[in-house]
Full PDB file with SEQRES, HELIX, SHEET, SSBOND, CRYST1, ORIGX, SCALE, CONECT and MASTER records, all heavy atoms in Angstrom:
SEQRES   1 A   36  ALA GLU THR GLY ARG PRO HIS LEU ILE THR ASP VAL LEU          
SEQRES   2 A   36  THR THR ASP ALA THR VAL ASN ASP ALA VAL VAL LEU ASP          
SEQRES   3 A   36  GLN ILE HIS ASN ARG LEU ARG ASP LYS ASP                      
HELIX    1 AA1 ASP A   21  ASP A   34  1                                  14    
CRYST1    1.000    1.000    1.000  90.00  90.00  90.00 P 1           1          
ORIGX1      1.000000  0.000000  0.000000        0.00000                         
ORIGX2      0.000000  1.000000  0.000000        0.00000                         
ORIGX3      0.000000  0.000000  1.000000        0.00000                         
SCALE1      1.000000  0.000000  0.000000        0.00000                         
SCALE2      0.000000  1.000000  0.000000        0.00000                         
SCALE3      0.000000  0.000000  1.000000        0.00000                         
ATOM      1  N   ALA A   1       0.828  -1.207   0.000  1.00  0.00           N  
ATOM      2  CA  ALA A   1       0.000   0.000   0.000  1.00  0.00           C  
ATOM      3  C   ALA A   1       0.863   1.259   0.000  1.00  0.00           C  
ATOM      4  O   ALA A   1       0.498   2.279  -0.588  1.00  0.00           O  
ATOM      5  CB  ALA A   1      -0.929  -0.007   1.208  1.00  0.00           C  
ATOM      6  N   GLU A   2       2.028   1.187   0.640  1.00  0.00           N  
ATOM      7  CA  GLU A   2       2.908   2.351   0.712  1.00  0.00           C  
ATOM      8  C   GLU A   2       3.783   2.490  -0.529  1.00  0.00           C  
ATOM      9  O   GLU A   2       4.005   3.596  -1.016  1.00  0.00           O  
ATOM     10  CB  GLU A   2       3.794   2.248   1.955  1.00  0.00           C  
ATOM     11  CG  GLU A   2       3.043   2.346   3.273  1.00  0.00           C  
ATOM     12  CD  GLU A   2       3.982   2.241   4.468  1.00  0.00           C  
ATOM     13  OE1 GLU A   2       5.209   2.148   4.249  1.00  0.00           O  
ATOM     14  OE2 GLU A   2       3.480   2.259   5.613  1.00  0.00           O  
ATOM     15  N   THR A   3       4.288   1.370  -1.048  1.00  0.00           N  
ATOM     16  CA  THR A   3       5.253   1.426  -2.149  1.00  0.00           C  
ATOM     17  C   THR A   3       4.608   1.344  -3.521  1.00  0.00           C  
ATOM     18  O   THR A   3       5.197   1.792  -4.513  1.00  0.00           O  
ATOM     19  CB  THR A   3       6.260   0.268  -2.034  1.00  0.00           C  
ATOM     20  OG1 THR A   3       5.567  -0.982  -2.156  1.00  0.00           O  
ATOM     21  CG2 THR A   3       6.966   0.318  -0.681  1.00  0.00           C  
ATOM     22  N   GLY A   4       3.408   0.762  -3.599  1.00  0.00           N  
ATOM     23  CA  GLY A   4       2.792   0.571  -4.904  1.00  0.00           C  
ATOM     24  C   GLY A   4       3.500  -0.492  -5.728  1.00  0.00           C  
ATOM     25  O   GLY A   4       3.422  -0.470  -6.960  1.00  0.00           O  
ATOM     26  N   ARG A   5       4.158  -1.425  -5.051  1.00  0.00           N  
ATOM     27  CA  ARG A   5       4.877  -2.490  -5.755  1.00  0.00           C  
ATOM     28  C   ARG A   5       4.451  -3.843  -5.204  1.00  0.00           C  
ATOM     29  O   ARG A   5       4.235  -3.988  -3.994  1.00  0.00           O  
ATOM     30  CB  ARG A   5       6.390  -2.331  -5.578  1.00  0.00           C  
ATOM     31  CG  ARG A   5       6.984  -1.133  -6.277  1.00  0.00           C  
ATOM     32  CD  ARG A   5       8.505  -1.163  -6.211  1.00  0.00           C  
ATOM     33  NE  ARG A   5       8.983  -1.003  -4.853  1.00  0.00           N  
ATOM     34  CZ  ARG A   5       9.292   0.173  -4.289  1.00  0.00           C  
ATOM     35  NH1 ARG A   5       9.177   1.280  -4.993  1.00  0.00           N  
ATOM     36  NH2 ARG A   5       9.722   0.219  -3.046  1.00  0.00           N  
ATOM     37  N   PRO A   6       4.355  -4.856  -6.068  1.00  0.00           N  
ATOM     38  CA  PRO A   6       4.000  -6.201  -5.597  1.00  0.00           C  
ATOM     39  C   PRO A   6       5.191  -6.877  -4.931  1.00  0.00           C  
ATOM     40  O   PRO A   6       6.330  -6.422  -5.037  1.00  0.00           O  
ATOM     41  CB  PRO A   6       3.613  -6.924  -6.885  1.00  0.00           C  
ATOM     42  CG  PRO A   6       4.435  -6.254  -7.945  1.00  0.00           C  
ATOM     43  CD  PRO A   6       4.549  -4.806  -7.534  1.00  0.00           C  
ATOM     44  N   HIS A   7       4.926  -7.977  -4.242  1.00  0.00           N  
ATOM     45  CA  HIS A   7       5.988  -8.794  -3.664  1.00  0.00           C  
ATOM     46  C   HIS A   7       6.499  -9.744  -4.741  1.00  0.00           C  
ATOM     47  O   HIS A   7       5.741 -10.570  -5.257  1.00  0.00           O  
ATOM     48  CB  HIS A   7       5.467  -9.585  -2.463  1.00  0.00           C  
ATOM     49  CG  HIS A   7       5.013  -8.721  -1.336  1.00  0.00           C  
ATOM     50  ND1 HIS A   7       4.188  -9.169  -0.331  1.00  0.00           N  
ATOM     51  CD2 HIS A   7       5.278  -7.423  -1.038  1.00  0.00           C  
ATOM     52  CE1 HIS A   7       3.963  -8.192   0.534  1.00  0.00           C  
ATOM     53  NE2 HIS A   7       4.610  -7.122   0.113  1.00  0.00           N  
ATOM     54  N   LEU A   8       7.786  -9.658  -5.062  1.00  0.00           N  
ATOM     55  CA  LEU A   8       8.351 -10.449  -6.145  1.00  0.00           C  
ATOM     56  C   LEU A   8       9.621 -11.155  -5.689  1.00  0.00           C  
ATOM     57  O   LEU A   8      10.372 -10.636  -4.862  1.00  0.00           O  
ATOM     58  CB  LEU A   8       8.670  -9.557  -7.352  1.00  0.00           C  
ATOM     59  CG  LEU A   8       7.460  -8.859  -7.987  1.00  0.00           C  
ATOM     60  CD1 LEU A   8       7.919  -7.850  -9.027  1.00  0.00           C  
ATOM     61  CD2 LEU A   8       6.515  -9.881  -8.612  1.00  0.00           C  
ATOM     62  N   ILE A   9       9.862 -12.335  -6.242  1.00  0.00           N  
ATOM     63  CA  ILE A   9      11.045 -13.119  -5.899  1.00  0.00           C  
ATOM     64  C   ILE A   9      12.276 -12.489  -6.532  1.00  0.00           C  
ATOM     65  O   ILE A   9      12.295 -12.208  -7.731  1.00  0.00           O  
ATOM     66  CB  ILE A   9      10.885 -14.577  -6.366  1.00  0.00           C  
ATOM     67  CG1 ILE A   9       9.730 -15.250  -5.620  1.00  0.00           C  
ATOM     68  CG2 ILE A   9      12.175 -15.368  -6.153  1.00  0.00           C  
ATOM     69  CD1 ILE A   9       9.405 -16.646  -6.108  1.00  0.00           C  
ATOM     70  N   THR A  10      13.297 -12.249  -5.729  1.00  0.00           N  
ATOM     71  CA  THR A  10      14.527 -11.612  -6.208  1.00  0.00           C  
ATOM     72  C   THR A  10      15.689 -12.587  -6.360  1.00  0.00           C  
ATOM     73  O   THR A  10      16.648 -12.294  -7.079  1.00  0.00           O  
ATOM     74  CB  THR A  10      14.955 -10.492  -5.244  1.00  0.00           C  
ATOM     75  OG1 THR A  10      15.085 -11.045  -3.917  1.00  0.00           O  
ATOM     76  CG2 THR A  10      13.934  -9.374  -5.230  1.00  0.00           C  
ATOM     77  N   ASP A  11      15.617 -13.726  -5.675  1.00  0.00           N  
ATOM     78  CA  ASP A  11      16.726 -14.674  -5.773  1.00  0.00           C  
ATOM     79  C   ASP A  11      16.236 -16.063  -5.407  1.00  0.00           C  
ATOM     80  O   ASP A  11      15.344 -16.223  -4.557  1.00  0.00           O  
ATOM     81  CB  ASP A  11      17.876 -14.281  -4.845  1.00  0.00           C  
ATOM     82  CG  ASP A  11      19.093 -15.170  -5.025  1.00  0.00           C  
ATOM     83  OD1 ASP A  11      19.715 -15.094  -6.096  1.00  0.00           O  
ATOM     84  OD2 ASP A  11      19.410 -15.943  -4.108  1.00  0.00           O  
ATOM     85  N   VAL A  12      16.825 -17.057  -6.046  1.00  0.00           N  
ATOM     86  CA  VAL A  12      16.548 -18.454  -5.715  1.00  0.00           C  
ATOM     87  C   VAL A  12      17.872 -19.189  -5.701  1.00  0.00           C  
ATOM     88  O   VAL A  12      18.682 -19.062  -6.611  1.00  0.00           O  
ATOM     89  CB  VAL A  12      15.561 -19.086  -6.718  1.00  0.00           C  
ATOM     90  CG1 VAL A  12      16.056 -18.963  -8.146  1.00  0.00           C  
ATOM     91  CG2 VAL A  12      15.297 -20.539  -6.367  1.00  0.00           C  
ATOM     92  N   LEU A  13      18.116 -19.907  -4.623  1.00  0.00           N  
ATOM     93  CA  LEU A  13      19.369 -20.638  -4.437  1.00  0.00           C  
ATOM     94  C   LEU A  13      19.047 -22.088  -4.109  1.00  0.00           C  
ATOM     95  O   LEU A  13      18.203 -22.366  -3.265  1.00  0.00           O  
ATOM     96  CB  LEU A  13      20.188 -20.011  -3.311  1.00  0.00           C  
ATOM     97  CG  LEU A  13      21.526 -20.675  -2.969  1.00  0.00           C  
ATOM     98  CD1 LEU A  13      22.492 -20.567  -4.142  1.00  0.00           C  
ATOM     99  CD2 LEU A  13      22.139 -20.047  -1.727  1.00  0.00           C  
ATOM    100  N   THR A  14      19.728 -23.009  -4.791  1.00  0.00           N  
ATOM    101  CA  THR A  14      19.508 -24.435  -4.585  1.00  0.00           C  
ATOM    102  C   THR A  14      20.767 -25.072  -4.014  1.00  0.00           C  
ATOM    103  O   THR A  14      21.866 -24.832  -4.513  1.00  0.00           O  
ATOM    104  CB  THR A  14      19.147 -25.130  -5.907  1.00  0.00           C  
ATOM    105  OG1 THR A  14      18.086 -24.414  -6.543  1.00  0.00           O  
ATOM    106  CG2 THR A  14      18.711 -26.564  -5.662  1.00  0.00           C  
ATOM    107  N   THR A  15      20.609 -25.854  -2.972  1.00  0.00           N  
ATOM    108  CA  THR A  15      21.732 -26.574  -2.362  1.00  0.00           C  
ATOM    109  C   THR A  15      21.329 -28.030  -2.177  1.00  0.00           C  
ATOM    110  O   THR A  15      20.162 -28.386  -2.341  1.00  0.00           O  
ATOM    111  CB  THR A  15      22.099 -25.981  -0.992  1.00  0.00           C  
ATOM    112  OG1 THR A  15      21.030 -26.242  -0.057  1.00  0.00           O  
ATOM    113  CG2 THR A  15      22.339 -24.476  -1.080  1.00  0.00           C  
ATOM    114  N   ASP A  16      22.297 -28.872  -1.819  1.00  0.00           N  
ATOM    115  CA  ASP A  16      21.905 -30.231  -1.465  1.00  0.00           C  
ATOM    116  C   ASP A  16      21.241 -30.215  -0.092  1.00  0.00           C  
ATOM    117  O   ASP A  16      21.285 -29.221   0.630  1.00  0.00           O  
ATOM    118  CB  ASP A  16      23.106 -31.186  -1.514  1.00  0.00           C  
ATOM    119  CG  ASP A  16      24.096 -30.978  -0.378  1.00  0.00           C  
ATOM    120  OD1 ASP A  16      23.712 -31.186   0.783  1.00  0.00           O  
ATOM    121  OD2 ASP A  16      25.258 -30.631  -0.655  1.00  0.00           O  
ATOM    122  N   ALA A  17      20.602 -31.307   0.262  1.00  0.00           N  
ATOM    123  CA  ALA A  17      19.739 -31.341   1.446  1.00  0.00           C  
ATOM    124  C   ALA A  17      20.486 -31.192   2.757  1.00  0.00           C  
ATOM    125  O   ALA A  17      19.872 -30.911   3.786  1.00  0.00           O  
ATOM    126  CB  ALA A  17      18.936 -32.643   1.462  1.00  0.00           C  
ATOM    127  N   THR A  18      21.807 -31.365   2.766  1.00  0.00           N  
ATOM    128  CA  THR A  18      22.547 -31.344   4.026  1.00  0.00           C  
ATOM    129  C   THR A  18      23.049 -29.957   4.405  1.00  0.00           C  
ATOM    130  O   THR A  18      23.536 -29.763   5.512  1.00  0.00           O  
ATOM    131  CB  THR A  18      23.756 -32.288   3.951  1.00  0.00           C  
ATOM    132  OG1 THR A  18      24.690 -31.791   2.972  1.00  0.00           O  
ATOM    133  CG2 THR A  18      23.335 -33.690   3.582  1.00  0.00           C  
ATOM    134  N   VAL A  19      22.967 -28.983   3.505  1.00  0.00           N  
ATOM    135  CA  VAL A  19      23.543 -27.660   3.759  1.00  0.00           C  
ATOM    136  C   VAL A  19      22.679 -26.901   4.758  1.00  0.00           C  
ATOM    137  O   VAL A  19      21.462 -26.734   4.560  1.00  0.00           O  
ATOM    138  CB  VAL A  19      23.682 -26.864   2.455  1.00  0.00           C  
ATOM    139  CG1 VAL A  19      24.193 -25.448   2.734  1.00  0.00           C  
ATOM    140  CG2 VAL A  19      24.632 -27.583   1.500  1.00  0.00           C  
ATOM    141  N   ASN A  20      23.311 -26.406   5.814  1.00  0.00           N  
ATOM    142  CA  ASN A  20      22.602 -25.647   6.839  1.00  0.00           C  
ATOM    143  C   ASN A  20      22.189 -24.284   6.308  1.00  0.00           C  
ATOM    144  O   ASN A  20      22.922 -23.647   5.552  1.00  0.00           O  
ATOM    145  CB  ASN A  20      23.503 -25.476   8.067  1.00  0.00           C  
ATOM    146  CG  ASN A  20      22.757 -24.904   9.247  1.00  0.00           C  
ATOM    147  OD1 ASN A  20      22.567 -23.698   9.343  1.00  0.00           O  
ATOM    148  ND2 ASN A  20      22.336 -25.757  10.163  1.00  0.00           N  
ATOM    149  N   ASP A  21      21.006 -23.820   6.722  1.00  0.00           N  
ATOM    150  CA  ASP A  21      20.493 -22.534   6.232  1.00  0.00           C  
ATOM    151  C   ASP A  21      21.442 -21.381   6.525  1.00  0.00           C  
ATOM    152  O   ASP A  21      21.625 -20.482   5.706  1.00  0.00           O  
ATOM    153  CB  ASP A  21      19.129 -22.239   6.856  1.00  0.00           C  
ATOM    154  CG  ASP A  21      18.036 -23.148   6.326  1.00  0.00           C  
ATOM    155  OD1 ASP A  21      18.293 -23.863   5.337  1.00  0.00           O  
ATOM    156  OD2 ASP A  21      16.928 -23.158   6.901  1.00  0.00           O  
ATOM    157  N   ALA A  22      22.053 -21.386   7.717  1.00  0.00           N  
ATOM    158  CA  ALA A  22      22.917 -20.266   8.110  1.00  0.00           C  
ATOM    159  C   ALA A  22      24.128 -20.132   7.188  1.00  0.00           C  
ATOM    160  O   ALA A  22      24.670 -19.039   7.029  1.00  0.00           O  
ATOM    161  CB  ALA A  22      23.372 -20.445   9.552  1.00  0.00           C  
ATOM    162  N   VAL A  23      24.534 -21.227   6.555  1.00  0.00           N  
ATOM    163  CA  VAL A  23      25.723 -21.197   5.706  1.00  0.00           C  
ATOM    164  C   VAL A  23      25.487 -20.387   4.445  1.00  0.00           C  
ATOM    165  O   VAL A  23      26.422 -19.796   3.895  1.00  0.00           O  
ATOM    166  CB  VAL A  23      26.147 -22.649   5.352  1.00  0.00           C  
ATOM    167  CG1 VAL A  23      27.289 -22.667   4.362  1.00  0.00           C  
ATOM    168  CG2 VAL A  23      26.528 -23.401   6.620  1.00  0.00           C  
ATOM    169  N   VAL A  24      24.246 -20.338   3.960  1.00  0.00           N  
ATOM    170  CA  VAL A  24      23.985 -19.758   2.640  1.00  0.00           C  
ATOM    171  C   VAL A  24      23.590 -18.287   2.691  1.00  0.00           C  
ATOM    172  O   VAL A  24      23.492 -17.647   1.636  1.00  0.00           O  
ATOM    173  CB  VAL A  24      22.884 -20.546   1.914  1.00  0.00           C  
ATOM    174  CG1 VAL A  24      23.245 -22.007   1.802  1.00  0.00           C  
ATOM    175  CG2 VAL A  24      21.538 -20.390   2.603  1.00  0.00           C  
ATOM    176  N   LEU A  25      23.353 -17.721   3.867  1.00  0.00           N  
ATOM    177  CA  LEU A  25      22.845 -16.353   3.921  1.00  0.00           C  
ATOM    178  C   LEU A  25      23.833 -15.355   3.319  1.00  0.00           C  
ATOM    179  O   LEU A  25      23.436 -14.451   2.572  1.00  0.00           O  
ATOM    180  CB  LEU A  25      22.521 -15.962   5.363  1.00  0.00           C  
ATOM    181  CG  LEU A  25      21.714 -14.653   5.508  1.00  0.00           C  
ATOM    182  CD1 LEU A  25      20.402 -14.745   4.760  1.00  0.00           C  
ATOM    183  CD2 LEU A  25      21.463 -14.329   6.975  1.00  0.00           C  
ATOM    184  N   ASP A  26      25.118 -15.520   3.608  1.00  0.00           N  
ATOM    185  CA  ASP A  26      26.106 -14.615   3.019  1.00  0.00           C  
ATOM    186  C   ASP A  26      26.147 -14.774   1.504  1.00  0.00           C  
ATOM    187  O   ASP A  26      26.301 -13.794   0.763  1.00  0.00           O  
ATOM    188  CB  ASP A  26      27.486 -14.890   3.619  1.00  0.00           C  
ATOM    189  CG  ASP A  26      28.522 -13.872   3.164  1.00  0.00           C  
ATOM    190  OD1 ASP A  26      28.317 -12.670   3.418  1.00  0.00           O  
ATOM    191  OD2 ASP A  26      29.521 -14.274   2.538  1.00  0.00           O  
ATOM    192  N   GLN A  27      25.987 -15.991   1.020  1.00  0.00           N  
ATOM    193  CA  GLN A  27      25.953 -16.231  -0.424  1.00  0.00           C  
ATOM    194  C   GLN A  27      24.741 -15.553  -1.058  1.00  0.00           C  
ATOM    195  O   GLN A  27      24.840 -14.976  -2.152  1.00  0.00           O  
ATOM    196  CB  GLN A  27      25.916 -17.733  -0.702  1.00  0.00           C  
ATOM    197  CG  GLN A  27      26.021 -18.100  -2.172  1.00  0.00           C  
ATOM    198  CD  GLN A  27      26.023 -19.597  -2.401  1.00  0.00           C  
ATOM    199  OE1 GLN A  27      26.076 -20.386  -1.457  1.00  0.00           O  
ATOM    200  NE2 GLN A  27      25.962 -19.999  -3.656  1.00  0.00           N  
ATOM    201  N   ILE A  28      23.605 -15.602  -0.388  1.00  0.00           N  
ATOM    202  CA  ILE A  28      22.406 -14.927  -0.890  1.00  0.00           C  
ATOM    203  C   ILE A  28      22.643 -13.423  -0.979  1.00  0.00           C  
ATOM    204  O   ILE A  28      22.273 -12.769  -1.964  1.00  0.00           O  
ATOM    205  CB  ILE A  28      21.201 -15.244  -0.001  1.00  0.00           C  
ATOM    206  CG1 ILE A  28      20.808 -16.723  -0.144  1.00  0.00           C  
ATOM    207  CG2 ILE A  28      20.011 -14.357  -0.340  1.00  0.00           C  
ATOM    208  CD1 ILE A  28      19.743 -17.184   0.827  1.00  0.00           C  
ATOM    209  N   HIS A  29      23.286 -12.864   0.032  1.00  0.00           N  
ATOM    210  CA  HIS A  29      23.579 -11.424   0.005  1.00  0.00           C  
ATOM    211  C   HIS A  29      24.521 -11.073  -1.136  1.00  0.00           C  
ATOM    212  O   HIS A  29      24.356 -10.037  -1.791  1.00  0.00           O  
ATOM    213  CB  HIS A  29      24.182 -10.993   1.349  1.00  0.00           C  
ATOM    214  CG  HIS A  29      23.177 -10.942   2.455  1.00  0.00           C  
ATOM    215  ND1 HIS A  29      23.531 -10.985   3.784  1.00  0.00           N  
ATOM    216  CD2 HIS A  29      21.822 -10.880   2.434  1.00  0.00           C  
ATOM    217  CE1 HIS A  29      22.449 -10.925   4.529  1.00  0.00           C  
ATOM    218  NE2 HIS A  29      21.399 -10.865   3.738  1.00  0.00           N  
ATOM    219  N   ASN A  30      25.502 -11.914  -1.387  1.00  0.00           N  
ATOM    220  CA  ASN A  30      26.408 -11.656  -2.508  1.00  0.00           C  
ATOM    221  C   ASN A  30      25.665 -11.697  -3.837  1.00  0.00           C  
ATOM    222  O   ASN A  30      25.926 -10.887  -4.737  1.00  0.00           O  
ATOM    223  CB  ASN A  30      27.549 -12.677  -2.511  1.00  0.00           C  
ATOM    224  CG  ASN A  30      28.534 -12.451  -1.386  1.00  0.00           C  
ATOM    225  OD1 ASN A  30      28.735 -11.324  -0.927  1.00  0.00           O  
ATOM    226  ND2 ASN A  30      29.174 -13.520  -0.919  1.00  0.00           N  
ATOM    227  N   ARG A  31      24.760 -12.628  -3.985  1.00  0.00           N  
ATOM    228  CA  ARG A  31      23.991 -12.739  -5.227  1.00  0.00           C  
ATOM    229  C   ARG A  31      23.076 -11.523  -5.396  1.00  0.00           C  
ATOM    230  O   ARG A  31      22.944 -10.985  -6.510  1.00  0.00           O  
ATOM    231  CB  ARG A  31      23.173 -14.032  -5.207  1.00  0.00           C  
ATOM    232  CG  ARG A  31      24.026 -15.293  -5.314  1.00  0.00           C  
ATOM    233  CD  ARG A  31      23.250 -16.537  -4.894  1.00  0.00           C  
ATOM    234  NE  ARG A  31      22.070 -16.754  -5.697  1.00  0.00           N  
ATOM    235  CZ  ARG A  31      22.049 -17.425  -6.850  1.00  0.00           C  
ATOM    236  NH1 ARG A  31      23.165 -17.950  -7.308  1.00  0.00           N  
ATOM    237  NH2 ARG A  31      20.926 -17.595  -7.518  1.00  0.00           N  
ATOM    238  N   LEU A  32      22.438 -11.093  -4.313  1.00  0.00           N  
ATOM    239  CA  LEU A  32      21.583  -9.904  -4.390  1.00  0.00           C  
ATOM    240  C   LEU A  32      22.402  -8.645  -4.670  1.00  0.00           C  
ATOM    241  O   LEU A  32      21.957  -7.741  -5.389  1.00  0.00           O  
ATOM    242  CB  LEU A  32      20.791  -9.750  -3.097  1.00  0.00           C  
ATOM    243  CG  LEU A  32      19.696 -10.796  -2.851  1.00  0.00           C  
ATOM    244  CD1 LEU A  32      19.125 -10.652  -1.454  1.00  0.00           C  
ATOM    245  CD2 LEU A  32      18.589 -10.674  -3.895  1.00  0.00           C  
ATOM    246  N   ARG A  33      23.603  -8.582  -4.117  1.00  0.00           N  
ATOM    247  CA  ARG A  33      24.481  -7.440  -4.386  1.00  0.00           C  
ATOM    248  C   ARG A  33      24.826  -7.365  -5.870  1.00  0.00           C  
ATOM    249  O   ARG A  33      24.836  -6.270  -6.463  1.00  0.00           O  
ATOM    250  CB  ARG A  33      25.745  -7.565  -3.556  1.00  0.00           C  
ATOM    251  CG  ARG A  33      26.765  -6.427  -3.755  1.00  0.00           C  
ATOM    252  CD  ARG A  33      28.128  -6.847  -3.275  1.00  0.00           C  
ATOM    253  NE  ARG A  33      28.587  -8.025  -3.999  1.00  0.00           N  
ATOM    254  CZ  ARG A  33      29.510  -8.862  -3.545  1.00  0.00           C  
ATOM    255  NH1 ARG A  33      30.072  -8.679  -2.366  1.00  0.00           N  
ATOM    256  NH2 ARG A  33      29.870  -9.917  -4.269  1.00  0.00           N  
ATOM    257  N   ASP A  34      25.108  -8.501  -6.483  1.00  0.00           N  
ATOM    258  CA  ASP A  34      25.448  -8.520  -7.905  1.00  0.00           C  
ATOM    259  C   ASP A  34      24.289  -8.055  -8.775  1.00  0.00           C  
ATOM    260  O   ASP A  34      24.500  -7.593  -9.904  1.00  0.00           O  
ATOM    261  CB  ASP A  34      25.871  -9.936  -8.329  1.00  0.00           C  
ATOM    262  CG  ASP A  34      27.169 -10.377  -7.660  1.00  0.00           C  
ATOM    263  OD1 ASP A  34      27.915  -9.484  -7.183  1.00  0.00           O  
ATOM    264  OD2 ASP A  34      27.428 -11.600  -7.603  1.00  0.00           O  
ATOM    265  N   LYS A  35      23.065  -8.161  -8.266  1.00  0.00           N  
ATOM    266  CA  LYS A  35      21.891  -7.712  -9.013  1.00  0.00           C  
ATOM    267  C   LYS A  35      21.470  -6.296  -8.626  1.00  0.00           C  
ATOM    268  O   LYS A  35      20.455  -5.800  -9.118  1.00  0.00           O  
ATOM    269  CB  LYS A  35      20.709  -8.652  -8.750  1.00  0.00           C  
ATOM    270  CG  LYS A  35      20.964 -10.103  -9.097  1.00  0.00           C  
ATOM    271  CD  LYS A  35      19.793 -10.972  -8.637  1.00  0.00           C  
ATOM    272  CE  LYS A  35      20.096 -12.445  -8.806  1.00  0.00           C  
ATOM    273  NZ  LYS A  35      18.999 -13.312  -8.334  1.00  0.00           N  
ATOM    274  N   ASP A  36      22.238  -5.658  -7.716  1.00  0.00           N  
ATOM    275  CA  ASP A  36      21.869  -4.347  -7.173  1.00  0.00           C  
ATOM    276  C   ASP A  36      20.508  -4.398  -6.485  1.00  0.00           C  
ATOM    277  O   ASP A  36      19.715  -3.452  -6.557  1.00  0.00           O  
ATOM    278  CB  ASP A  36      21.857  -3.275  -8.273  1.00  0.00           C  
ATOM    279  CG  ASP A  36      23.244  -2.982  -8.807  1.00  0.00           C  
ATOM    280  OD1 ASP A  36      24.209  -3.036  -8.012  1.00  0.00           O  
ATOM    281  OD2 ASP A  36      23.379  -2.703 -10.012  1.00  0.00           O  
TER     282      ASP A  36                                                      
MASTER        0    0    0    1    0    0    0    6  281    1    0    3          
END                                                                             
């Protein structure tokens, strides 16, 4: 209501089933940084 923009997916990351969630957060930030 404030921004006038829909909620949209900005990144998707796939790992094998054993990878802990905390390990990938920095990688997600790097990927989002590359997309500005």
